[in-house]
N, C-alpha and C. Protein backbone atom coordinates (compact mmCIF):
# COMPACT_ATOMS: atom_id res chain seq x y z
N MET A 1 0.59 -1.30 -0.03
CA MET A 1 -0.23 -0.17 0.07
C MET A 1 1.14 1.12 -0.09
N THR A 2 1.73 1.53 0.90
CA THR A 2 2.78 2.16 0.89
C THR A 2 3.47 2.47 -0.73
N ASN A 3 3.82 1.15 -1.08
CA ASN A 3 4.16 1.90 -2.15
C ASN A 3 3.16 2.22 -3.59
N LEU A 4 1.82 1.43 -3.27
CA LEU A 4 1.06 2.50 -4.33
C LEU A 4 0.80 3.82 -3.89
N LYS A 5 0.52 4.24 -2.33
CA LYS A 5 0.97 5.68 -2.09
C LYS A 5 1.85 6.27 -2.41
N ALA A 6 2.61 5.61 -2.44
CA ALA A 6 3.82 6.64 -2.99
C ALA A 6 4.02 6.83 -4.10
N PHE A 7 3.71 6.24 -5.11
CA PHE A 7 3.62 6.31 -6.24
C PHE A 7 2.43 6.79 -7.07
N GLY A 8 1.34 7.27 -6.11
CA GLY A 8 0.31 7.97 -6.50
C GLY A 8 0.60 9.64 -6.69
N ILE A 9 0.99 9.35 -5.58
CA ILE A 9 1.89 10.94 -5.06
C ILE A 9 2.90 11.50 -5.67
N SER A 10 4.24 10.45 -6.57
CA SER A 10 4.64 11.15 -7.03
C SER A 10 4.16 11.46 -8.08
N ILE A 11 3.28 10.81 -8.97
CA ILE A 11 2.55 10.73 -10.15
C ILE A 11 1.32 12.54 -9.72
N GLY A 12 1.05 12.61 -8.75
CA GLY A 12 0.71 13.94 -8.75
C GLY A 12 1.88 15.10 -8.65
N ILE A 13 3.03 14.87 -7.67
CA ILE A 13 3.75 15.79 -8.31
C ILE A 13 4.24 16.54 -9.36
N LEU A 14 4.45 15.10 -9.98
CA LEU A 14 4.94 15.23 -11.50
C LEU A 14 3.94 16.02 -12.75
N PHE A 15 2.97 15.61 -11.96
CA PHE A 15 1.70 16.54 -12.89
C PHE A 15 1.70 18.35 -12.42
N LEU A 16 1.70 18.23 -10.94
CA LEU A 16 1.53 19.36 -10.34
C LEU A 16 3.09 20.34 -11.27
N ILE A 17 3.93 19.86 -11.48
CA ILE A 17 5.06 20.61 -12.06
C ILE A 17 4.53 20.46 -13.55
N PHE A 18 4.66 19.78 -14.38
CA PHE A 18 4.25 19.73 -15.43
C PHE A 18 3.08 21.04 -15.58
N PHE A 19 2.00 21.27 -14.89
CA PHE A 19 0.95 22.06 -14.80
C PHE A 19 1.37 23.38 -15.09
N ILE A 20 2.49 23.59 -13.64
CA ILE A 20 3.50 25.11 -13.17
C ILE A 20 3.90 25.23 -14.06
N CYS A 21 4.62 24.60 -15.24
CA CYS A 21 6.02 24.62 -16.34
C CYS A 21 4.94 24.55 -17.17
N PHE A 22 3.82 24.25 -18.18
CA PHE A 22 3.64 24.64 -18.51
C PHE A 22 3.07 25.88 -19.15
N ILE A 23 1.67 26.37 -17.45
CA ILE A 23 2.03 27.93 -17.99
C ILE A 23 2.54 28.80 -17.40
N GLY A 24 3.65 28.77 -16.52
CA GLY A 24 5.11 29.75 -16.71
C GLY A 24 5.84 29.33 -18.12
N ILE A 25 6.20 28.72 -18.93
CA ILE A 25 6.56 28.86 -19.96
C ILE A 25 5.86 29.53 -21.12
N ASN A 26 3.94 29.73 -21.13
CA ASN A 26 3.33 29.77 -22.21
C ASN A 26 3.45 31.28 -21.55
N ILE A 27 3.37 31.75 -19.89
CA ILE A 27 3.46 33.43 -19.65
C ILE A 27 4.82 34.10 -20.12
N VAL A 28 6.04 33.31 -19.88
CA VAL A 28 7.08 34.18 -20.82
C VAL A 28 7.39 33.90 -21.89
N MET A 29 6.96 33.07 -22.68
CA MET A 29 6.54 33.01 -24.07
C MET A 29 5.90 34.47 -24.47
N LYS A 30 4.49 34.14 -23.58
CA LYS A 30 4.16 35.43 -24.38
C LYS A 30 4.14 37.06 -23.98
N ILE A 31 5.26 36.96 -23.10
CA ILE A 31 6.47 38.22 -22.40
C ILE A 31 7.53 38.09 -23.82
N ILE A 32 7.93 37.46 -23.98
CA ILE A 32 9.49 36.93 -25.00
C ILE A 32 8.67 37.45 -26.14
N VAL A 33 8.08 36.93 -26.63
CA VAL A 33 7.33 36.93 -28.06
C VAL A 33 6.27 38.27 -28.28
N GLY A 34 5.59 38.71 -27.80
CA GLY A 34 4.70 39.52 -27.82
C GLY A 34 5.10 40.65 -27.30
N HIS A 35 6.57 41.27 -26.28
CA HIS A 35 6.77 42.44 -26.38
C HIS A 35 8.03 42.41 -27.72
N GLY A 36 7.64 43.72 -28.35
CA GLY A 36 9.04 44.40 -29.46
C GLY A 36 8.24 43.70 -30.51
N ASN A 37 6.95 42.87 -30.12
CA ASN A 37 6.50 41.87 -31.65
C ASN A 37 5.39 43.56 -32.39
N GLU A 38 5.38 44.01 -31.58
CA GLU A 38 3.60 44.93 -31.73
C GLU A 38 4.00 46.66 -31.91
N VAL A 39 3.26 46.99 -33.21
CA VAL A 39 4.30 48.40 -34.04
C VAL A 39 3.06 49.44 -33.89
N ILE A 40 3.00 50.88 -33.68
CA ILE A 40 1.87 51.92 -34.23
C ILE A 40 2.11 52.03 -35.51
N VAL A 41 0.47 51.57 -35.96
CA VAL A 41 -0.24 52.30 -37.12
C VAL A 41 0.45 53.23 -37.81
N PRO A 42 1.16 53.48 -38.89
CA PRO A 42 1.71 54.88 -39.10
C PRO A 42 0.08 55.35 -40.01
N GLU A 43 0.44 57.04 -40.08
CA GLU A 43 -0.68 57.64 -40.97
C GLU A 43 0.18 58.06 -42.25
N LEU A 44 -1.13 57.20 -43.15
CA LEU A 44 -0.42 57.03 -44.50
C LEU A 44 -1.32 57.86 -45.59
N VAL A 45 -2.47 58.28 -45.22
CA VAL A 45 -3.78 59.12 -45.82
C VAL A 45 -2.70 60.48 -46.33
N ASP A 46 -3.02 60.50 -47.52
CA ASP A 46 -2.38 61.57 -48.18
C ASP A 46 -0.52 61.60 -48.40
N MET A 47 -0.13 60.26 -48.60
CA MET A 47 1.22 59.99 -48.33
C MET A 47 1.50 59.22 -50.13
N ASP A 48 2.26 59.14 -50.11
CA ASP A 48 2.60 59.54 -51.78
C ASP A 48 2.86 57.63 -51.27
N PHE A 49 2.62 57.01 -52.27
CA PHE A 49 2.22 55.44 -52.11
C PHE A 49 4.19 55.10 -51.83
N ASN A 50 4.99 55.14 -52.62
CA ASN A 50 6.34 55.04 -52.72
C ASN A 50 7.23 54.79 -51.35
N VAL A 51 6.64 56.45 -51.06
CA VAL A 51 7.30 56.07 -49.65
C VAL A 51 6.38 55.83 -48.15
N ALA A 52 5.25 55.32 -48.28
CA ALA A 52 4.49 55.07 -47.81
C ALA A 52 5.34 53.33 -47.84
N VAL A 53 5.63 53.16 -48.71
CA VAL A 53 5.72 51.58 -49.23
C VAL A 53 7.49 51.16 -47.95
N LYS A 54 7.94 52.81 -47.94
CA LYS A 54 9.33 52.47 -47.49
C LYS A 54 9.40 52.68 -45.76
N THR A 55 8.57 53.43 -45.51
CA THR A 55 8.26 53.77 -44.07
C THR A 55 7.35 52.36 -43.74
N CYS A 56 6.61 51.69 -44.11
CA CYS A 56 5.73 50.06 -43.94
C CYS A 56 7.07 49.61 -44.06
N LYS A 57 8.07 49.65 -44.37
CA LYS A 57 8.99 48.68 -44.54
C LYS A 57 10.16 48.77 -43.09
N GLY A 58 10.38 49.96 -42.87
CA GLY A 58 11.25 50.30 -41.77
C GLY A 58 10.23 49.67 -40.45
N LEU A 59 8.96 49.63 -40.56
CA LEU A 59 7.93 49.20 -39.09
C LEU A 59 7.80 47.87 -39.42
N LYS A 60 8.10 47.29 -40.80
CA LYS A 60 8.42 45.78 -40.82
C LYS A 60 7.06 45.54 -40.64
N LEU A 61 6.09 46.54 -41.92
CA LEU A 61 4.62 46.42 -42.41
C LEU A 61 5.10 46.10 -43.90
N TYR A 62 4.03 45.19 -43.95
CA TYR A 62 2.96 44.89 -45.84
C TYR A 62 2.70 45.41 -45.95
N ILE A 63 2.76 46.50 -46.93
CA ILE A 63 1.24 47.01 -47.63
C ILE A 63 0.99 46.74 -49.09
N GLU A 64 -0.69 46.82 -49.28
CA GLU A 64 -1.21 46.52 -50.55
C GLU A 64 -1.76 47.14 -51.05
N GLN A 65 -2.26 47.66 -52.49
CA GLN A 65 -3.47 48.64 -53.27
C GLN A 65 -4.10 47.57 -53.37
N LYS A 66 -5.16 47.90 -52.18
CA LYS A 66 -6.56 47.33 -52.43
C LYS A 66 -7.92 47.73 -53.75
N ASP A 67 -7.29 49.18 -53.91
CA ASP A 67 -8.28 50.05 -55.25
C ASP A 67 -7.61 51.21 -55.42
N PHE A 68 -8.17 51.56 -56.76
CA PHE A 68 -7.69 52.75 -56.84
C PHE A 68 -8.96 53.44 -57.41
N ILE A 69 -8.96 54.67 -57.07
CA ILE A 69 -10.49 55.88 -57.53
C ILE A 69 -9.63 57.03 -57.36
N HIS A 70 -10.08 57.22 -58.86
CA HIS A 70 -10.41 59.10 -59.73
C HIS A 70 -10.65 60.14 -58.36
N SER A 71 -9.79 60.96 -58.23
CA SER A 71 -9.99 61.97 -56.91
C SER A 71 -9.06 63.49 -57.62
N ASP A 72 -10.97 64.06 -58.04
CA ASP A 72 -9.86 65.69 -57.66
C ASP A 72 -9.40 66.01 -56.88
N GLU A 73 -9.26 65.73 -56.02
CA GLU A 73 -8.90 66.39 -54.63
C GLU A 73 -7.70 65.91 -54.34
N ILE A 74 -7.07 64.80 -54.79
CA ILE A 74 -6.33 64.35 -53.94
C ILE A 74 -5.01 63.68 -55.40
N GLU A 75 -3.63 64.00 -55.63
CA GLU A 75 -2.85 63.83 -56.47
C GLU A 75 -2.74 62.64 -56.91
N LYS A 76 -2.11 62.19 -58.22
CA LYS A 76 -2.39 60.65 -58.77
C LYS A 76 -1.20 60.26 -57.76
N GLY A 77 -0.73 58.71 -57.16
CA GLY A 77 -0.14 58.15 -56.81
C GLY A 77 -0.09 58.38 -55.42
N ARG A 78 -1.13 59.08 -54.81
CA ARG A 78 -1.04 59.65 -52.99
C ARG A 78 -2.23 58.30 -52.39
N ILE A 79 -1.83 58.01 -51.30
CA ILE A 79 -3.07 57.36 -50.46
C ILE A 79 -4.70 58.19 -50.29
N ILE A 80 -5.48 57.67 -50.24
CA ILE A 80 -6.81 58.53 -50.22
C ILE A 80 -7.47 57.79 -48.51
N SER A 81 -7.13 56.48 -48.76
CA SER A 81 -7.47 55.43 -47.02
C SER A 81 -6.55 54.19 -47.03
N GLN A 82 -6.90 53.93 -45.62
CA GLN A 82 -6.20 52.62 -45.33
C GLN A 82 -6.95 51.63 -44.29
N GLU A 83 -6.21 50.57 -44.57
CA GLU A 83 -7.10 50.04 -43.71
C GLU A 83 -6.28 48.87 -42.78
N PRO A 84 -5.48 49.14 -41.61
CA PRO A 84 -6.43 49.33 -40.46
C PRO A 84 -5.86 50.99 -40.67
N HIS A 85 -6.76 51.53 -39.31
CA HIS A 85 -6.66 52.95 -39.14
C HIS A 85 -4.98 53.73 -38.68
N PRO A 86 -4.74 54.63 -38.62
CA PRO A 86 -3.58 54.74 -37.79
C PRO A 86 -3.19 54.76 -36.61
N ASN A 87 -2.59 54.75 -35.99
CA ASN A 87 -2.43 55.26 -34.46
C ASN A 87 -2.41 53.58 -33.42
N ILE A 88 -3.29 52.97 -33.94
CA ILE A 88 -3.52 51.95 -33.01
C ILE A 88 -2.14 50.88 -33.00
N LYS A 89 -2.05 49.78 -32.38
CA LYS A 89 -0.89 48.73 -32.10
C LYS A 89 -1.52 47.97 -33.20
N THR A 90 -0.32 46.99 -33.41
CA THR A 90 -0.66 46.14 -34.40
C THR A 90 0.83 45.28 -34.38
N LYS A 91 0.61 43.93 -34.84
CA LYS A 91 1.42 43.04 -34.74
C LYS A 91 2.15 43.42 -36.11
N LYS A 92 4.01 43.14 -36.44
CA LYS A 92 4.61 42.97 -37.47
C LYS A 92 4.03 42.36 -38.65
N PHE A 93 4.74 42.46 -39.22
CA PHE A 93 4.56 41.67 -40.90
C PHE A 93 3.07 41.81 -40.96
N ARG A 94 2.20 42.27 -40.83
CA ARG A 94 0.69 42.90 -41.11
C ARG A 94 0.76 43.65 -42.12
N THR A 95 -0.51 43.55 -42.93
CA THR A 95 -0.26 44.14 -44.39
C THR A 95 -1.91 45.19 -44.05
N ILE A 96 -1.02 46.40 -43.85
CA ILE A 96 -1.73 47.93 -44.32
C ILE A 96 -2.51 47.54 -45.87
N LYS A 97 -3.87 47.91 -46.28
CA LYS A 97 -4.43 47.69 -47.32
C LYS A 97 -4.71 49.26 -47.53
N VAL A 98 -4.00 49.43 -49.00
CA VAL A 98 -4.69 51.15 -48.93
C VAL A 98 -5.49 51.48 -50.16
N THR A 99 -6.17 52.17 -50.13
CA THR A 99 -6.98 52.97 -51.53
C THR A 99 -6.15 54.05 -52.17
N VAL A 100 -5.50 54.17 -53.23
CA VAL A 100 -4.79 55.39 -54.50
C VAL A 100 -5.59 55.55 -54.96
N SER A 101 -4.89 56.88 -55.31
CA SER A 101 -5.37 58.02 -56.11
C SER A 101 -5.67 58.16 -58.03
N GLU A 102 -6.26 57.85 -58.39
CA GLU A 102 -5.22 57.84 -59.81
C GLU A 102 -5.56 59.48 -60.40
N GLY A 103 -5.63 60.52 -60.10
CA GLY A 103 -6.00 61.62 -59.96
C GLY A 103 -7.03 61.50 -60.73
N PRO A 104 -7.54 63.21 -61.18
CA PRO A 104 -8.68 63.39 -61.36
C PRO A 104 -9.31 62.64 -62.85
N GLU A 105 -9.98 61.84 -63.25
CA GLU A 105 -10.90 61.11 -64.81
C GLU A 105 -10.15 62.30 -65.32
N MET A 106 -9.48 61.47 -66.68
CA MET A 106 -9.13 62.50 -67.64
C MET A 106 -10.53 61.96 -68.78
N VAL A 107 -10.87 62.96 -69.66
CA VAL A 107 -11.62 63.08 -70.94
C VAL A 107 -11.16 64.03 -71.93
N ARG A 108 -11.39 62.90 -73.13
CA ARG A 108 -10.52 63.64 -74.28
C ARG A 108 -11.74 64.48 -74.95
N ILE A 109 -11.11 66.33 -75.17
CA ILE A 109 -12.60 66.82 -75.45
C ILE A 109 -12.73 66.78 -77.15
N PRO A 110 -13.90 66.67 -77.04
CA PRO A 110 -14.58 66.54 -78.53
C PRO A 110 -14.25 67.70 -79.22
N TYR A 111 -14.32 67.22 -80.28
CA TYR A 111 -14.43 68.30 -81.84
C TYR A 111 -15.90 68.85 -82.13
N LEU A 112 -15.48 70.46 -81.23
CA LEU A 112 -16.09 71.41 -81.94
C LEU A 112 -16.41 72.44 -82.82
N ASP A 113 -15.35 71.95 -83.76
CA ASP A 113 -15.52 72.97 -84.88
C ASP A 113 -16.36 72.88 -85.87
N ASN A 114 -17.04 74.15 -86.04
CA ASN A 114 -17.67 74.27 -86.56
C ASN A 114 -19.53 74.03 -86.34
N LEU A 115 -19.60 74.35 -84.95
CA LEU A 115 -20.81 74.19 -84.29
C LEU A 115 -20.81 75.05 -83.39
N ASN A 116 -22.52 75.17 -83.28
CA ASN A 116 -22.82 76.74 -83.14
C ASN A 116 -22.57 76.65 -81.23
N VAL A 117 -22.44 77.64 -80.55
CA VAL A 117 -22.16 77.55 -79.27
C VAL A 117 -23.26 76.53 -78.32
N PRO A 118 -24.89 76.52 -78.73
CA PRO A 118 -25.97 75.54 -77.58
C PRO A 118 -24.85 74.40 -77.90
N GLU A 119 -24.67 73.53 -79.44
CA GLU A 119 -24.28 72.59 -80.04
C GLU A 119 -23.29 71.89 -79.37
N ALA A 120 -22.31 73.38 -79.19
CA ALA A 120 -21.08 72.84 -78.62
C ALA A 120 -21.12 72.25 -77.05
N LYS A 121 -22.05 73.90 -76.60
CA LYS A 121 -22.00 73.23 -74.83
C LYS A 121 -22.98 71.79 -74.49
N LEU A 122 -23.91 71.77 -75.30
CA LEU A 122 -24.31 70.03 -75.43
C LEU A 122 -23.05 69.22 -75.32
N LYS A 123 -22.15 69.23 -76.21
CA LYS A 123 -21.07 68.07 -76.67
C LYS A 123 -20.13 67.66 -75.49
N LEU A 124 -20.24 69.05 -75.31
CA LEU A 124 -19.22 69.06 -74.07
C LEU A 124 -19.67 68.93 -72.77
N GLU A 125 -20.84 69.55 -72.32
CA GLU A 125 -21.61 68.21 -70.97
C GLU A 125 -21.39 66.71 -71.50
N ASN A 126 -21.94 66.20 -72.40
CA ASN A 126 -21.30 64.84 -72.81
C ASN A 126 -20.72 63.84 -72.76
N ALA A 127 -19.44 64.64 -72.92
CA ALA A 127 -18.32 64.53 -72.62
C ALA A 127 -17.86 64.92 -70.86
N GLY A 128 -18.79 64.86 -70.19
CA GLY A 128 -18.03 65.70 -68.50
C GLY A 128 -17.30 66.62 -68.77
N LEU A 129 -17.41 67.40 -69.69
CA LEU A 129 -16.82 69.14 -69.79
C LEU A 129 -17.89 70.44 -69.49
N LEU A 130 -17.46 71.43 -69.38
CA LEU A 130 -17.75 72.53 -68.96
C LEU A 130 -17.56 73.74 -70.34
N LEU A 131 -18.36 74.08 -70.87
CA LEU A 131 -18.11 75.43 -72.03
C LEU A 131 -17.70 76.50 -70.71
N GLY A 132 -16.65 77.24 -71.34
CA GLY A 132 -15.80 77.97 -70.44
C GLY A 132 -15.55 79.42 -71.14
N GLU A 133 -14.68 80.25 -71.51
CA GLU A 133 -14.71 81.81 -71.88
C GLU A 133 -15.35 81.22 -73.53
N LYS A 134 -16.15 82.81 -74.33
CA LYS A 134 -15.89 82.77 -75.65
C LYS A 134 -15.28 84.02 -75.87
N LYS A 135 -14.40 83.48 -77.12
CA LYS A 135 -13.95 84.42 -77.73
C LYS A 135 -14.28 84.89 -79.42
N TYR A 136 -13.83 85.45 -79.63
CA TYR A 136 -14.63 86.26 -81.36
C TYR A 136 -13.55 86.72 -81.85
N ARG A 137 -12.99 86.09 -83.57
CA ARG A 137 -12.31 86.62 -84.31
C ARG A 137 -12.85 85.93 -85.87
N TYR A 138 -12.50 87.32 -86.45
CA TYR A 138 -13.15 86.89 -88.09
C TYR A 138 -12.52 85.94 -88.74
N SER A 139 -13.32 85.09 -89.73
CA SER A 139 -12.91 83.90 -90.35
C SER A 139 -13.14 84.37 -91.58
N ASP A 140 -12.58 83.98 -92.35
CA ASP A 140 -13.07 83.47 -94.09
C ASP A 140 -13.76 82.28 -94.45
N VAL A 141 -13.25 81.44 -93.52
CA VAL A 141 -13.25 80.10 -93.80
C VAL A 141 -14.91 79.51 -92.98
N VAL A 142 -14.61 80.41 -91.79
CA VAL A 142 -16.25 79.66 -91.04
C VAL A 142 -17.32 80.29 -90.57
N GLU A 143 -18.71 80.19 -90.50
CA GLU A 143 -19.49 80.75 -91.02
C GLU A 143 -19.76 81.94 -89.42
N LYS A 144 -20.37 82.66 -89.47
CA LYS A 144 -20.87 83.78 -88.49
C LYS A 144 -21.40 82.67 -87.64
N ASP A 145 -20.76 82.61 -86.30
CA ASP A 145 -21.84 82.08 -85.00
C ASP A 145 -20.73 80.51 -84.69
N ARG A 146 -20.36 80.23 -85.73
CA ARG A 146 -19.95 79.00 -85.99
C ARG A 146 -18.44 78.69 -84.70
N ILE A 147 -17.56 78.06 -84.36
CA ILE A 147 -17.18 78.02 -83.60
C ILE A 147 -15.69 77.44 -84.73
N ILE A 148 -14.55 78.43 -84.40
CA ILE A 148 -13.34 78.04 -85.05
C ILE A 148 -12.26 77.13 -84.40
N TYR A 149 -12.69 76.77 -83.33
CA TYR A 149 -11.90 75.57 -82.62
C TYR A 149 -11.64 76.00 -80.85
N SER A 150 -10.90 75.40 -80.64
CA SER A 150 -11.22 75.23 -79.15
C SER A 150 -10.12 74.91 -78.45
N GLN A 151 -9.92 75.75 -77.14
CA GLN A 151 -8.97 76.15 -75.96
C GLN A 151 -9.09 75.59 -75.44
N PRO A 152 -8.08 74.20 -74.85
CA PRO A 152 -7.68 73.38 -75.44
C PRO A 152 -7.84 72.82 -76.39
N MET A 153 -7.50 72.23 -77.64
CA MET A 153 -7.33 71.56 -78.95
C MET A 153 -8.02 70.11 -78.29
N ALA A 154 -9.14 70.34 -79.80
CA ALA A 154 -9.97 68.52 -79.52
C ALA A 154 -9.26 67.85 -79.52
N ASP A 155 -9.69 67.11 -78.95
CA ASP A 155 -8.99 65.43 -78.82
C ASP A 155 -7.78 65.63 -77.95
N ALA A 156 -7.55 66.35 -77.22
CA ALA A 156 -6.33 66.64 -75.57
C ALA A 156 -7.24 65.79 -74.90
N LEU A 157 -6.52 65.44 -73.59
CA LEU A 157 -7.19 64.44 -72.87
C LEU A 157 -7.32 65.70 -71.63
N ILE A 158 -8.01 66.09 -70.53
CA ILE A 158 -8.01 67.29 -69.37
C ILE A 158 -9.15 66.45 -68.39
N ALA A 159 -8.69 66.94 -67.78
CA ALA A 159 -9.91 66.67 -66.01
C ALA A 159 -10.70 66.48 -66.36
N ARG A 160 -11.81 65.88 -66.28
CA ARG A 160 -13.31 65.76 -66.12
C ARG A 160 -14.07 67.31 -65.39
N LYS A 161 -15.09 67.86 -65.94
CA LYS A 161 -15.11 69.16 -65.14
C LYS A 161 -13.93 70.37 -65.43
N SER A 162 -13.47 70.28 -66.37
CA SER A 162 -12.90 71.23 -66.48
C SER A 162 -13.72 72.32 -67.84
N ASN A 163 -13.27 73.65 -67.41
CA ASN A 163 -13.74 74.50 -68.88
C ASN A 163 -13.02 74.59 -70.31
N VAL A 164 -13.42 74.00 -71.26
CA VAL A 164 -12.80 74.64 -72.87
C VAL A 164 -13.35 75.31 -73.06
N ASP A 165 -12.86 76.47 -73.60
CA ASP A 165 -12.67 77.89 -74.01
C ASP A 165 -12.99 77.85 -75.76
N VAL A 166 -13.79 78.84 -76.38
CA VAL A 166 -13.91 78.45 -77.33
C VAL A 166 -13.77 79.64 -78.54
N VAL A 167 -13.35 79.32 -79.93
CA VAL A 167 -12.81 80.57 -80.06
C VAL A 167 -14.56 80.49 -81.58
N ILE A 168 -15.15 82.71 -81.32
CA ILE A 168 -16.43 82.21 -82.42
C ILE A 168 -16.43 82.90 -83.63
N SER A 169 -16.59 82.19 -84.57
CA SER A 169 -16.91 82.88 -85.78
C SER A 169 -17.68 84.28 -85.46
N LEU A 170 -16.62 85.71 -86.20
CA LEU A 170 -17.25 86.67 -86.38
C LEU A 170 -18.13 86.97 -88.21
N GLY A 171 -17.68 85.89 -88.76
CA GLY A 171 -17.86 85.81 -90.44
C GLY A 171 -16.60 86.74 -91.04
N LYS A 172 -16.51 86.89 -92.40
CA LYS A 172 -15.39 87.43 -93.01
C LYS A 172 -15.86 88.69 -92.62
N LEU A 173 -14.63 89.63 -92.63
CA LEU A 173 -13.69 90.76 -92.25
C LEU A 173 -14.39 91.14 -94.00
N ASN A 174 -15.16 91.92 -93.67
CA ASN A 174 -15.17 93.00 -95.11
C ASN A 174 -14.38 94.20 -94.96
N SER A 175 -13.67 94.53 -96.02
CA SER A 175 -12.68 95.52 -96.82
C SER A 175 -12.87 97.10 -96.38
N LYS A 176 -14.48 97.31 -96.63
CA LYS A 176 -15.31 98.21 -96.13
C LYS A 176 -15.86 98.78 -94.71
N THR A 177 -15.26 97.68 -93.94
CA THR A 177 -15.80 97.97 -92.53
C THR A 177 -14.34 98.62 -91.91
N THR A 178 -14.66 99.37 -90.69
CA THR A 178 -13.74 100.57 -90.88
C THR A 178 -13.50 99.74 -88.96
N LYS A 179 -11.87 100.62 -89.31
CA LYS A 179 -11.80 100.12 -87.46
C LYS A 179 -12.72 100.33 -85.83
N THR A 180 -13.35 101.50 -86.76
CA THR A 180 -14.00 101.31 -85.14
C THR A 180 -15.24 100.60 -85.47
N ASP A 181 -15.98 100.55 -87.11
CA ASP A 181 -17.02 99.59 -86.34
C ASP A 181 -16.54 98.11 -85.88
N LYS A 182 -15.03 97.56 -86.63
CA LYS A 182 -14.80 96.35 -86.38
C LYS A 182 -14.88 96.16 -84.69
N TRP A 183 -14.59 97.35 -84.32
CA TRP A 183 -14.15 97.22 -82.58
C TRP A 183 -15.80 97.10 -81.92
N LYS A 184 -16.52 97.63 -81.99
CA LYS A 184 -17.91 97.92 -82.02
C LYS A 184 -18.86 96.75 -82.42
N ASN A 185 -18.19 95.44 -83.33
CA ASN A 185 -18.46 94.38 -83.84
C ASN A 185 -18.07 93.37 -82.71
N LEU A 186 -16.91 93.37 -82.42
CA LEU A 186 -16.15 92.76 -81.03
C LEU A 186 -17.16 92.91 -79.68
N LEU A 187 -17.08 94.28 -79.64
CA LEU A 187 -17.92 94.38 -78.01
C LEU A 187 -19.33 94.14 -78.14
N ASP A 188 -20.37 94.03 -79.39
CA ASP A 188 -21.43 93.80 -79.17
C ASP A 188 -21.30 92.59 -79.01
N GLU A 189 -20.52 91.46 -79.42
CA GLU A 189 -20.92 90.70 -79.55
C GLU A 189 -20.66 89.25 -78.74
N ASP A 190 -19.64 90.17 -77.58
CA ASP A 190 -19.21 89.89 -76.22
C ASP A 190 -20.35 89.91 -75.12
N ASP A 191 -21.21 90.90 -75.52
CA ASP A 191 -22.79 90.61 -74.80
C ASP A 191 -23.21 89.27 -75.01
């Protein structure tokens, strides 16, 4: 019986030692591994993507472009948003997902040559652009009240919602028209 009792006590002591060691090692490992393994997520919004990559690399974090969005306010290549949010603790080697600006959406200027102003305005609006300043010039080729050309020129790429100026024909310049009449016509047309 004493042998059996001694055996039971030995087994009990071994379980107690195992339990204490198991818990002790887990606590020590959490302290060792957890300590120094966390970093503060940096503020990446409005930062250039390439600079953000270097910043994250220095903190042992990864960065991933999850989306690209056109933005009129944020320059192309800059970060619009990030996940996780900045200034929180995270584990090293975590991936921060970012949305990057593609800059303003670019559209092609339609051909406005030989259109009247209402037609040109409609064509510009359909392209996502606005009619800008109207300038008037004499033209031997283009009829009066028709567009000679646009500024910037047709087929150029510009940001959506930009103004496109137009030059409108005053018709042919008559050799009989005096300089005073020319200026009077120009002023009347601007109104």
